[in-house]
Amino acid sequence: MEKQETYNEAIAQLKAIVEDIEKGELDVDVLSDKVKEATRLIKLCKDKLFKADEDVKKILEEIDT
């Protein structure tokens, strides 16, 4: 199984991809790959944020009971 990036690693990779795209020097094939990778990283970050939110809500509910 492939190691999944941490949230901070994913954000750092996204920043690097954005910088590469903003430079405007990417080949079309490379650009396509970068966009696909960015999409994967965004989904990963979204999933991690959703899980963290659910965990916090669960903890807060336990405290209130």
Protein backbone atom coordinates (compact mmCIF):
# COMPACT_ATOMS: atom_id res chain seq x y z
CA MET A 1 0.00 0.00 0.00
CA GLU A 2 1.27 3.42 -0.96
CA LYS A 3 2.06 5.85 1.88
CA GLN A 4 -0.53 8.59 2.07
CA GLU A 5 0.74 12.12 2.50
CA THR A 6 0.01 14.10 5.63
CA TYR A 7 -2.19 17.16 5.25
CA ASN A 8 0.84 19.47 5.44
CA GLU A 9 2.75 17.43 2.85
CA ALA A 10 -0.26 17.55 0.51
CA ILE A 11 -0.58 21.32 0.94
CA ALA A 12 3.13 21.79 0.23
CA GLN A 13 2.82 19.70 -2.93
CA LEU A 14 -0.22 21.71 -4.03
CA LYS A 15 1.70 24.96 -3.53
CA ALA A 16 4.56 23.61 -5.65
CA ILE A 17 2.13 22.58 -8.40
CA VAL A 18 0.51 26.02 -8.39
CA GLU A 19 3.93 27.67 -8.65
CA ASP A 20 4.84 25.43 -11.60
CA ILE A 21 1.56 26.25 -13.36
CA GLU A 22 1.91 29.98 -12.69
CA LYS A 23 5.35 30.00 -14.32
CA GLY A 24 3.59 28.98 -17.54
CA GLU A 25 6.51 26.89 -18.76
CA LEU A 26 4.91 23.45 -18.48
CA ASP A 27 4.45 21.17 -21.46
CA VAL A 28 0.79 20.32 -22.10
CA ASP A 29 1.31 16.67 -21.12
CA VAL A 30 3.05 17.67 -17.90
CA LEU A 31 0.35 20.25 -17.19
CA SER A 32 -2.31 17.57 -17.50
CA ASP A 33 -0.42 15.34 -15.05
CA LYS A 34 0.02 18.23 -12.61
CA VAL A 35 -3.71 19.03 -12.70
CA LYS A 36 -4.55 15.36 -12.07
CA GLU A 37 -2.14 15.27 -9.13
CA ALA A 38 -3.54 18.53 -7.75
CA THR A 39 -7.06 17.08 -7.96
CA ARG A 40 -5.94 14.00 -6.02
CA LEU A 41 -4.24 16.14 -3.37
CA ILE A 42 -7.28 18.43 -2.99
CA LYS A 43 -9.50 15.39 -2.45
CA LEU A 44 -7.05 14.00 0.10
CA CYS A 45 -7.02 17.31 2.01
CA LYS A 46 -10.80 17.57 1.87
CA ASP A 47 -11.16 14.02 3.22
CA LYS A 48 -8.68 14.70 6.03
CA LEU A 49 -10.47 17.92 7.01
CA PHE A 50 -13.85 16.16 6.97
CA LYS A 51 -12.50 13.35 9.18
CA ALA A 52 -10.94 15.83 11.61
CA ASP A 53 -14.22 17.75 11.79
CA GLU A 54 -16.15 14.54 12.49
CA ASP A 55 -13.64 13.52 15.18
CA VAL A 56 -13.89 16.92 16.91
CA LYS A 57 -17.70 16.82 16.84
CA LYS A 58 -17.63 13.32 18.34
CA ILE A 59 -15.27 14.42 21.13
CA LEU A 60 -17.39 17.47 21.88
CA GLU A 61 -20.54 15.33 22.05
CA GLU A 62 -18.79 13.01 24.52
CA ILE A 63 -17.83 15.97 26.69
CA ASP A 64 -21.42 17.28 26.72
CA THR A 65 -22.87 13.96 27.89
